[in-house]
Amino acid sequence: MGSFSLWHWLIVLVVVVLVFGTKKLRGAGGDLGSAVKNFKDAMREGETEAAKKPEAVASQSQTVQSETKKDQV
């Protein structure tokens, strides 16, 4: 009784199609696909920024260290 069989899933699918209709389901699928695509693109951008970040952090830390030395004098 704990798991669904193939027949259960088919009945659920038929009920969902009858309730929402194929146009709404197609639109929802397209929206979901574009959301996943945008998420993947954002993840790629984040990875490229993370790869560039150590260079930027190194230059900023050198600038902060030189300013700190000037303040101490």
PDB file of N, CA and C in Angstrom:
ATOM      1  N   MET A   1       0.811  -1.183   0.000  1.00  0.00           N
ATOM      2  CA  MET A   1       0.000   0.000   0.000  1.00  0.00           C
ATOM      3  C   MET A   1       0.861   1.256   0.000  1.00  0.00           C
ATOM      4  N   GLY A   2       2.154   1.126   0.234  1.00  0.00           N
ATOM      5  CA  GLY A   2       3.018   2.282   0.355  1.00  0.00           C
ATOM      6  C   GLY A   2       3.452   2.896  -0.965  1.00  0.00           C
ATOM      7  N   SER A   3       3.486   2.133  -2.041  1.00  0.00           N
ATOM      8  CA  SER A   3       3.980   2.678  -3.303  1.00  0.00           C
ATOM      9  C   SER A   3       2.877   2.672  -4.364  1.00  0.00           C
ATOM     10  N   PHE A   4       3.037   3.537  -5.339  1.00  0.00           N
ATOM     11  CA  PHE A   4       2.076   3.619  -6.435  1.00  0.00           C
ATOM     12  C   PHE A   4       2.497   2.695  -7.567  1.00  0.00           C
ATOM     13  N   SER A   5       1.531   2.051  -8.176  1.00  0.00           N
ATOM     14  CA  SER A   5       1.821   1.223  -9.341  1.00  0.00           C
ATOM     15  C   SER A   5       1.676   2.066 -10.601  1.00  0.00           C
ATOM     16  N   LEU A   6       1.941   1.474 -11.730  1.00  0.00           N
ATOM     17  CA  LEU A   6       1.829   2.171 -13.006  1.00  0.00           C
ATOM     18  C   LEU A   6       0.399   2.632 -13.244  1.00  0.00           C
ATOM     19  N   TRP A   7      -0.571   1.838 -12.865  1.00  0.00           N
ATOM     20  CA  TRP A   7      -1.976   2.202 -13.065  1.00  0.00           C
ATOM     21  C   TRP A   7      -2.366   3.427 -12.238  1.00  0.00           C
ATOM     22  N   HIS A   8      -1.835   3.517 -11.037  1.00  0.00           N
ATOM     23  CA  HIS A   8      -2.114   4.697 -10.217  1.00  0.00           C
ATOM     24  C   HIS A   8      -1.614   5.961 -10.902  1.00  0.00           C
ATOM     25  N   TRP A   9      -0.380   5.912 -11.420  1.00  0.00           N
ATOM     26  CA  TRP A   9       0.208   7.081 -12.076  1.00  0.00           C
ATOM     27  C   TRP A   9      -0.560   7.461 -13.340  1.00  0.00           C
ATOM     28  N   LEU A  10      -1.031   6.459 -14.090  1.00  0.00           N
ATOM     29  CA  LEU A  10      -1.823   6.751 -15.287  1.00  0.00           C
ATOM     30  C   LEU A  10      -3.149   7.426 -14.940  1.00  0.00           C
ATOM     31  N   ILE A  11      -3.776   6.972 -13.888  1.00  0.00           N
ATOM     32  CA  ILE A  11      -5.037   7.594 -13.463  1.00  0.00           C
ATOM     33  C   ILE A  11      -4.795   9.030 -13.014  1.00  0.00           C
ATOM     34  N   VAL A  12      -3.739   9.254 -12.264  1.00  0.00           N
ATOM     35  CA  VAL A  12      -3.393  10.611 -11.823  1.00  0.00           C
ATOM     36  C   VAL A  12      -3.117  11.495 -13.029  1.00  0.00           C
ATOM     37  N   LEU A  13      -2.393  10.993 -14.014  1.00  0.00           N
ATOM     38  CA  LEU A  13      -2.094  11.762 -15.223  1.00  0.00           C
ATOM     39  C   LEU A  13      -3.363  12.135 -15.977  1.00  0.00           C
ATOM     40  N   VAL A  14      -4.285  11.202 -16.120  1.00  0.00           N
ATOM     41  CA  VAL A  14      -5.548  11.474 -16.812  1.00  0.00           C
ATOM     42  C   VAL A  14      -6.346  12.535 -16.061  1.00  0.00           C
ATOM     43  N   VAL A  15      -6.410  12.442 -14.759  1.00  0.00           N
ATOM     44  CA  VAL A  15      -7.157  13.421 -13.966  1.00  0.00           C
ATOM     45  C   VAL A  15      -6.528  14.805 -14.100  1.00  0.00           C
ATOM     46  N   VAL A  16      -5.208  14.889 -14.057  1.00  0.00           N
ATOM     47  CA  VAL A  16      -4.521  16.182 -14.192  1.00  0.00           C
ATOM     48  C   VAL A  16      -4.792  16.790 -15.561  1.00  0.00           C
ATOM     49  N   VAL A  17      -4.742  15.989 -16.617  1.00  0.00           N
ATOM     50  CA  VAL A  17      -5.025  16.495 -17.968  1.00  0.00           C
ATOM     51  C   VAL A  17      -6.468  16.964 -18.065  1.00  0.00           C
ATOM     52  N   LEU A  18      -7.386  16.231 -17.468  1.00  0.00           N
ATOM     53  CA  LEU A  18      -8.790  16.635 -17.512  1.00  0.00           C
ATOM     54  C   LEU A  18      -9.033  17.923 -16.728  1.00  0.00           C
ATOM     55  N   VAL A  19      -8.361  18.090 -15.622  1.00  0.00           N
ATOM     56  CA  VAL A  19      -8.581  19.271 -14.786  1.00  0.00           C
ATOM     57  C   VAL A  19      -7.951  20.512 -15.409  1.00  0.00           C
ATOM     58  N   PHE A  20      -6.702  20.418 -15.826  1.00  0.00           N
ATOM     59  CA  PHE A  20      -5.974  21.599 -16.290  1.00  0.00           C
ATOM     60  C   PHE A  20      -6.042  21.801 -17.798  1.00  0.00           C
ATOM     61  N   GLY A  21      -6.175  20.766 -18.556  1.00  0.00           N
ATOM     62  CA  GLY A  21      -6.176  20.887 -20.011  1.00  0.00           C
ATOM     63  C   GLY A  21      -4.762  20.878 -20.557  1.00  0.00           C
ATOM     64  N   THR A  22      -4.645  20.528 -21.828  1.00  0.00           N
ATOM     65  CA  THR A  22      -3.317  20.390 -22.420  1.00  0.00           C
ATOM     66  C   THR A  22      -2.641  21.732 -22.660  1.00  0.00           C
ATOM     67  N   LYS A  23      -3.403  22.788 -22.944  1.00  0.00           N
ATOM     68  CA  LYS A  23      -2.782  24.096 -23.203  1.00  0.00           C
ATOM     69  C   LYS A  23      -2.106  24.646 -21.958  1.00  0.00           C
ATOM     70  N   LYS A  24      -2.775  24.554 -20.829  1.00  0.00           N
ATOM     71  CA  LYS A  24      -2.178  25.049 -19.590  1.00  0.00           C
ATOM     72  C   LYS A  24      -0.968  24.210 -19.192  1.00  0.00           C
ATOM     73  N   LEU A  25      -1.067  22.898 -19.381  1.00  0.00           N
ATOM     74  CA  LEU A  25       0.065  22.037 -19.041  1.00  0.00           C
ATOM     75  C   LEU A  25       1.253  22.314 -19.957  1.00  0.00           C
ATOM     76  N   ARG A  26       0.998  22.556 -21.243  1.00  0.00           N
ATOM     77  CA  ARG A  26       2.061  22.877 -22.180  1.00  0.00           C
ATOM     78  C   ARG A  26       2.723  24.199 -21.803  1.00  0.00           C
ATOM     79  N   GLY A  27       1.912  25.187 -21.438  1.00  0.00           N
ATOM     80  CA  GLY A  27       2.441  26.482 -21.019  1.00  0.00           C
ATOM     81  C   GLY A  27       3.263  26.375 -19.745  1.00  0.00           C
ATOM     82  N   ALA A  28       2.776  25.583 -18.795  1.00  0.00           N
ATOM     83  CA  ALA A  28       3.510  25.393 -17.542  1.00  0.00           C
ATOM     84  C   ALA A  28       4.831  24.677 -17.796  1.00  0.00           C
ATOM     85  N   GLY A  29       4.816  23.710 -18.714  1.00  0.00           N
ATOM     86  CA  GLY A  29       6.057  23.013 -19.058  1.00  0.00           C
ATOM     87  C   GLY A  29       7.061  23.940 -19.711  1.00  0.00           C
ATOM     88  N   GLY A  30       6.579  24.814 -20.587  1.00  0.00           N
ATOM     89  CA  GLY A  30       7.474  25.784 -21.222  1.00  0.00           C
ATOM     90  C   GLY A  30       8.046  26.762 -20.216  1.00  0.00           C
ATOM     91  N   ASP A  31       7.225  27.222 -19.288  1.00  0.00           N
ATOM     92  CA  ASP A  31       7.696  28.127 -18.244  1.00  0.00           C
ATOM     93  C   ASP A  31       8.738  27.449 -17.354  1.00  0.00           C
ATOM     94  N   LEU A  32       8.485  26.207 -17.014  1.00  0.00           N
ATOM     95  CA  LEU A  32       9.428  25.468 -16.186  1.00  0.00           C
ATOM     96  C   LEU A  32      10.748  25.261 -16.923  1.00  0.00           C
ATOM     97  N   GLY A  33      10.678  24.941 -18.213  1.00  0.00           N
ATOM     98  CA  GLY A  33      11.893  24.758 -19.003  1.00  0.00           C
ATOM     99  C   GLY A  33      12.710  26.029 -19.099  1.00  0.00           C
ATOM    100  N   SER A  34      12.067  27.170 -19.307  1.00  0.00           N
ATOM    101  CA  SER A  34      12.806  28.425 -19.394  1.00  0.00           C
ATOM    102  C   SER A  34      13.394  28.813 -18.037  1.00  0.00           C
ATOM    103  N   ALA A  35      12.693  28.490 -16.960  1.00  0.00           N
ATOM    104  CA  ALA A  35      13.226  28.780 -15.624  1.00  0.00           C
ATOM    105  C   ALA A  35      14.481  27.954 -15.354  1.00  0.00           C
ATOM    106  N   VAL A  36      14.462  26.694 -15.747  1.00  0.00           N
ATOM    107  CA  VAL A  36      15.638  25.839 -15.559  1.00  0.00           C
ATOM    108  C   VAL A  36      16.799  26.347 -16.403  1.00  0.00           C
ATOM    109  N   LYS A  37      16.522  26.771 -17.631  1.00  0.00           N
ATOM    110  CA  LYS A  37      17.568  27.298 -18.506  1.00  0.00           C
ATOM    111  C   LYS A  37      18.190  28.555 -17.913  1.00  0.00           C
ATOM    112  N   ASN A  38      17.350  29.468 -17.403  1.00  0.00           N
ATOM    113  CA  ASN A  38      17.868  30.687 -16.787  1.00  0.00           C
ATOM    114  C   ASN A  38      18.682  30.378 -15.543  1.00  0.00           C
ATOM    115  N   PHE A  39      18.257  29.387 -14.780  1.00  0.00           N
ATOM    116  CA  PHE A  39      19.007  28.996 -13.592  1.00  0.00           C
ATOM    117  C   PHE A  39      20.380  28.451 -13.966  1.00  0.00           C
ATOM    118  N   LYS A  40      20.439  27.617 -14.993  1.00  0.00           N
ATOM    119  CA  LYS A  40      21.723  27.065 -15.430  1.00  0.00           C
ATOM    120  C   LYS A  40      22.647  28.170 -15.934  1.00  0.00           C
ATOM    121  N   ASP A  41      22.098  29.131 -16.682  1.00  0.00           N
ATOM    122  CA  ASP A  41      22.897  30.248 -17.165  1.00  0.00           C
ATOM    123  C   ASP A  41      23.453  31.071 -16.004  1.00  0.00           C
ATOM    124  N   ALA A  42      22.645  31.292 -14.994  1.00  0.00           N
ATOM    125  CA  ALA A  42      23.095  32.047 -13.826  1.00  0.00           C
ATOM    126  C   ALA A  42      24.190  31.289 -13.075  1.00  0.00           C
ATOM    127  N   MET A  43      24.062  29.979 -13.009  1.00  0.00           N
ATOM    128  CA  MET A  43      25.094  29.182 -12.343  1.00  0.00           C
ATOM    129  C   MET A  43      26.416  29.265 -13.105  1.00  0.00           C
ATOM    130  N   ARG A  44      26.352  29.237 -14.440  1.00  0.00           N
ATOM    131  CA  ARG A  44      27.575  29.368 -15.239  1.00  0.00           C
ATOM    132  C   ARG A  44      28.217  30.732 -15.029  1.00  0.00           C
ATOM    133  N   GLU A  45      27.401  31.783 -14.989  1.00  0.00           N
ATOM    134  CA  GLU A  45      27.931  33.121 -14.751  1.00  0.00           C
ATOM    135  C   GLU A  45      28.589  33.208 -13.380  1.00  0.00           C
ATOM    136  N   GLY A  46      27.976  32.580 -12.398  1.00  0.00           N
ATOM    137  CA  GLY A  46      28.549  32.575 -11.051  1.00  0.00           C
ATOM    138  C   GLY A  46      29.880  31.852 -11.005  1.00  0.00           C
ATOM    139  N   GLU A  47      29.997  30.764 -11.761  1.00  0.00           N
ATOM    140  CA  GLU A  47      31.257  30.021 -11.792  1.00  0.00           C
ATOM    141  C   GLU A  47      32.356  30.842 -12.452  1.00  0.00           C
ATOM    142  N   THR A  48      32.029  31.554 -13.530  1.00  0.00           N
ATOM    143  CA  THR A  48      33.054  32.358 -14.188  1.00  0.00           C
ATOM    144  C   THR A  48      33.460  33.544 -13.315  1.00  0.00           C
ATOM    145  N   GLU A  49      32.499  34.130 -12.590  1.00  0.00           N
ATOM    146  CA  GLU A  49      32.842  35.218 -11.681  1.00  0.00           C
ATOM    147  C   GLU A  49      33.684  34.711 -10.523  1.00  0.00           C
ATOM    148  N   ALA A  50      33.395  33.516 -10.039  1.00  0.00           N
ATOM    149  CA  ALA A  50      34.168  32.936  -8.939  1.00  0.00           C
ATOM    150  C   ALA A  50      35.591  32.637  -9.395  1.00  0.00           C
ATOM    151  N   ALA A  51      35.765  32.264 -10.652  1.00  0.00           N
ATOM    152  CA  ALA A  51      37.103  31.997 -11.168  1.00  0.00           C
ATOM    153  C   ALA A  51      37.899  33.295 -11.296  1.00  0.00           C
ATOM    154  N   LYS A  52      37.232  34.388 -11.609  1.00  0.00           N
ATOM    155  CA  LYS A  52      37.906  35.674 -11.734  1.00  0.00           C
ATOM    156  C   LYS A  52      38.109  36.345 -10.383  1.00  0.00           C
ATOM    157  N   LYS A  53      37.342  35.969  -9.394  1.00  0.00           N
ATOM    158  CA  LYS A  53      37.341  36.649  -8.106  1.00  0.00           C
ATOM    159  C   LYS A  53      38.683  36.594  -7.375  1.00  0.00           C
ATOM    160  N   PRO A  54      39.416  35.475  -7.346  1.00  0.00           N
ATOM    161  CA  PRO A  54      40.691  35.488  -6.617  1.00  0.00           C
ATOM    162  C   PRO A  54      41.654  36.556  -7.129  1.00  0.00           C
ATOM    163  N   GLU A  55      41.640  36.838  -8.426  1.00  0.00           N
ATOM    164  CA  GLU A  55      42.507  37.880  -8.951  1.00  0.00           C
ATOM    165  C   GLU A  55      42.091  39.241  -8.413  1.00  0.00           C
ATOM    166  N   ALA A  56      40.794  39.500  -8.381  1.00  0.00           N
ATOM    167  CA  ALA A  56      40.292  40.778  -7.890  1.00  0.00           C
ATOM    168  C   ALA A  56      40.532  40.921  -6.396  1.00  0.00           C
ATOM    169  N   VAL A  57      40.389  39.835  -5.644  1.00  0.00           N
ATOM    170  CA  VAL A  57      40.604  39.880  -4.206  1.00  0.00           C
ATOM    171  C   VAL A  57      42.070  40.144  -3.909  1.00  0.00           C
ATOM    172  N   ALA A  58      42.967  39.545  -4.678  1.00  0.00           N
ATOM    173  CA  ALA A  58      44.391  39.758  -4.466  1.00  0.00           C
ATOM    174  C   ALA A  58      44.763  41.220  -4.696  1.00  0.00           C
ATOM    175  N   SER A  59      44.258  41.823  -5.750  1.00  0.00           N
ATOM    176  CA  SER A  59      44.579  43.225  -6.020  1.00  0.00           C
ATOM    177  C   SER A  59      43.963  44.140  -4.965  1.00  0.00           C
ATOM    178  N   GLN A  60      42.773  43.827  -4.477  1.00  0.00           N
ATOM    179  CA  GLN A  60      42.146  44.630  -3.431  1.00  0.00           C
ATOM    180  C   GLN A  60      42.901  44.511  -2.124  1.00  0.00           C
ATOM    181  N   SER A  61      43.370  43.318  -1.782  1.00  0.00           N
ATOM    182  CA  SER A  61      44.086  43.144  -0.519  1.00  0.00           C
ATOM    183  C   SER A  61      45.413  43.887  -0.563  1.00  0.00           C
ATOM    184  N   GLN A  62      46.063  43.948  -1.714  1.00  0.00           N
ATOM    185  CA  GLN A  62      47.304  44.709  -1.828  1.00  0.00           C
ATOM    186  C   GLN A  62      47.038  46.194  -1.657  1.00  0.00           C
ATOM    187  N   THR A  63      45.932  46.675  -2.202  1.00  0.00           N
ATOM    188  CA  THR A  63      45.563  48.079  -2.065  1.00  0.00           C
ATOM    189  C   THR A  63      45.251  48.409  -0.615  1.00  0.00           C
ATOM    190  N   VAL A  64      44.537  47.542   0.073  1.00  0.00           N
ATOM    191  CA  VAL A  64      44.185  47.773   1.471  1.00  0.00           C
ATOM    192  C   VAL A  64      45.433  47.748   2.335  1.00  0.00           C
ATOM    193  N   GLN A  65      46.357  46.826   2.065  1.00  0.00           N
ATOM    194  CA  GLN A  65      47.585  46.747   2.852  1.00  0.00           C
ATOM    195  C   GLN A  65      48.438  48.006   2.665  1.00  0.00           C
ATOM    196  N   SER A  66      48.519  48.507   1.437  1.00  0.00           N
ATOM    197  CA  SER A  66      49.322  49.705   1.211  1.00  0.00           C
ATOM    198  C   SER A  66      48.682  50.923   1.874  1.00  0.00           C
ATOM    199  N   GLU A  67      47.353  51.002   1.884  1.00  0.00           N
ATOM    200  CA  GLU A  67      46.660  52.109   2.547  1.00  0.00           C
ATOM    201  C   GLU A  67      46.834  52.019   4.068  1.00  0.00           C
ATOM    202  N   THR A  68      46.831  50.806   4.611  1.00  0.00           N
ATOM    203  CA  THR A  68      47.004  50.618   6.033  1.00  0.00           C
ATOM    204  C   THR A  68      48.412  51.046   6.459  1.00  0.00           C
ATOM    205  N   LYS A  69      49.384  50.731   5.660  1.00  0.00           N
ATOM    206  CA  LYS A  69      50.771  51.120   5.975  1.00  0.00           C
ATOM    207  C   LYS A  69      50.904  52.635   5.939  1.00  0.00           C
ATOM    208  N   LYS A  70      50.227  53.293   4.995  1.00  0.00           N
ATOM    209  CA  LYS A  70      50.286  54.745   4.905  1.00  0.00           C
ATOM    210  C   LYS A  70      49.640  55.377   6.135  1.00  0.00           C
ATOM    211  N   ASP A  71      48.548  54.774   6.618  1.00  0.00           N
ATOM    212  CA  ASP A  71      47.871  55.314   7.801  1.00  0.00           C
ATOM    213  C   ASP A  71      48.696  55.154   9.045  1.00  0.00           C
ATOM    214  N   GLN A  72      49.496  54.103   9.125  1.00  0.00           N
ATOM    215  CA  GLN A  72      50.294  53.838  10.311  1.00  0.00           C
ATOM    216  C   GLN A  72      51.486  54.801  10.403  1.00  0.00           C
ATOM    217  N   VAL A  73      51.937  55.344   9.291  1.00  0.00           N
ATOM    218  CA  VAL A  73      53.108  56.234   9.270  1.00  0.00           C
ATOM    219  C   VAL A  73      52.717  57.598   9.656  1.00  0.00           C
TER     220      VAL A  73
END
